[in-house]
């Protein structure tokens, strides 16, 4: 995964999960949900973290994220976009 912020490379990482093994996270979530009376069910969607962790941005920011084999995604956050 590669992330550019305002044209500057902020992350360039192959594989991994910043929170560790996704199977460990899924097991924790399943147990946590059962303890609260809401077990995971078929059709539930679970996300187990990100490839990069948290990045705090200054306003405004132009962001481009790409994963190998997929089209890049771009967005602008913050101040209104002017045409």
Protein backbone atom coordinates (compact mmCIF):
# COMPACT_ATOMS: atom_id res chain seq x y z
CA UNK A 1 0.00 0.00 0.00
CA UNK A 2 1.26 3.45 -0.88
CA UNK A 3 -0.22 6.70 0.43
CA UNK A 4 0.61 10.14 -0.91
CA UNK A 5 -0.47 13.25 1.01
CA UNK A 6 -0.17 16.48 -0.98
CA UNK A 7 2.15 14.60 -3.35
CA UNK A 8 4.51 13.43 -0.57
CA UNK A 9 4.86 9.69 0.13
CA UNK A 10 3.74 9.05 3.73
CA UNK A 11 3.46 5.25 3.66
CA UNK A 12 4.91 2.58 1.42
CA UNK A 13 4.36 -0.86 2.92
CA UNK A 14 3.98 -4.40 1.63
CA UNK A 15 1.68 -6.62 3.68
CA UNK A 16 1.15 -6.56 7.38
CA UNK A 17 -1.39 -5.11 9.75
CA UNK A 18 -0.43 -2.43 12.26
CA UNK A 19 -2.42 -4.22 14.99
CA UNK A 20 -0.87 -7.63 14.45
CA UNK A 21 -2.38 -10.93 13.34
CA UNK A 22 -5.96 -10.40 12.01
CA UNK A 23 -6.99 -13.87 13.24
CA UNK A 24 -6.09 -12.84 16.82
CA UNK A 25 -8.21 -9.70 16.40
CA UNK A 26 -11.15 -11.65 15.00
CA UNK A 27 -11.00 -14.14 17.89
CA UNK A 28 -10.98 -11.28 20.41
CA UNK A 29 -13.95 -9.62 18.67
CA UNK A 30 -15.97 -12.86 18.56
CA UNK A 31 -15.41 -13.47 22.28
CA UNK A 32 -16.13 -9.82 23.15
CA UNK A 33 -19.38 -9.91 21.18
CA UNK A 34 -20.55 -13.15 22.86
CA UNK A 35 -19.85 -11.68 26.32
CA UNK A 36 -22.18 -8.80 25.46
CA UNK A 37 -24.97 -11.00 24.11
CA UNK A 38 -24.33 -10.15 20.45
CA UNK A 39 -22.45 -13.07 18.86
CA UNK A 40 -21.16 -12.73 15.32
CA UNK A 41 -23.56 -14.12 12.75
CA UNK A 42 -23.38 -15.15 9.11
CA UNK A 43 -23.45 -12.00 7.00
CA UNK A 44 -21.78 -9.76 9.61
CA UNK A 45 -18.98 -7.64 8.18
CA UNK A 46 -15.80 -7.43 10.24
CA UNK A 47 -12.79 -5.21 9.67
CA UNK A 48 -9.64 -6.11 11.57
CA UNK A 49 -7.49 -3.04 11.26
CA UNK A 50 -5.54 -1.18 8.65
CA UNK A 51 -2.30 -1.59 6.78
CA UNK A 52 -0.88 1.69 8.08
CA UNK A 53 -2.29 2.77 11.43
CA UNK A 54 -3.46 6.34 12.03
CA UNK A 55 -2.22 9.42 10.22
CA UNK A 56 -3.32 12.85 11.43
CA UNK A 57 -3.55 15.37 8.59
CA UNK A 58 -3.26 19.11 8.35
CA UNK A 59 -6.09 20.95 6.60
CA UNK A 60 -6.48 20.74 3.57
CA UNK A 61 -5.01 17.52 2.22
CA UNK A 62 -5.04 15.80 -1.16
CA UNK A 63 -4.80 12.03 -0.58
CA UNK A 64 -3.97 9.23 -3.02
CA UNK A 65 -3.91 5.59 -1.85
CA UNK A 66 -2.96 2.66 -4.05
CA UNK A 67 -2.72 -1.09 -3.55
CA UNK A 68 -0.82 -3.22 -6.05
CA UNK A 69 -3.17 -4.57 -8.71
CA UNK A 70 -5.98 -2.08 -7.94
CA UNK A 71 -6.78 1.39 -9.25
CA UNK A 72 -5.64 4.23 -6.96
CA UNK A 73 -8.22 6.15 -4.92
CA UNK A 74 -7.94 9.91 -4.52
CA UNK A 75 -9.79 12.43 -2.38
CA UNK A 76 -9.40 15.92 -0.98
CA UNK A 77 -10.09 16.65 2.68
CA UNK A 78 -10.51 19.97 4.41
CA UNK A 79 -11.07 23.33 2.75
CA UNK A 80 -13.70 23.47 -0.01
CA UNK A 81 -12.49 22.45 -3.44
CA UNK A 82 -12.48 25.38 -5.88
CA UNK A 83 -13.18 24.85 -9.57
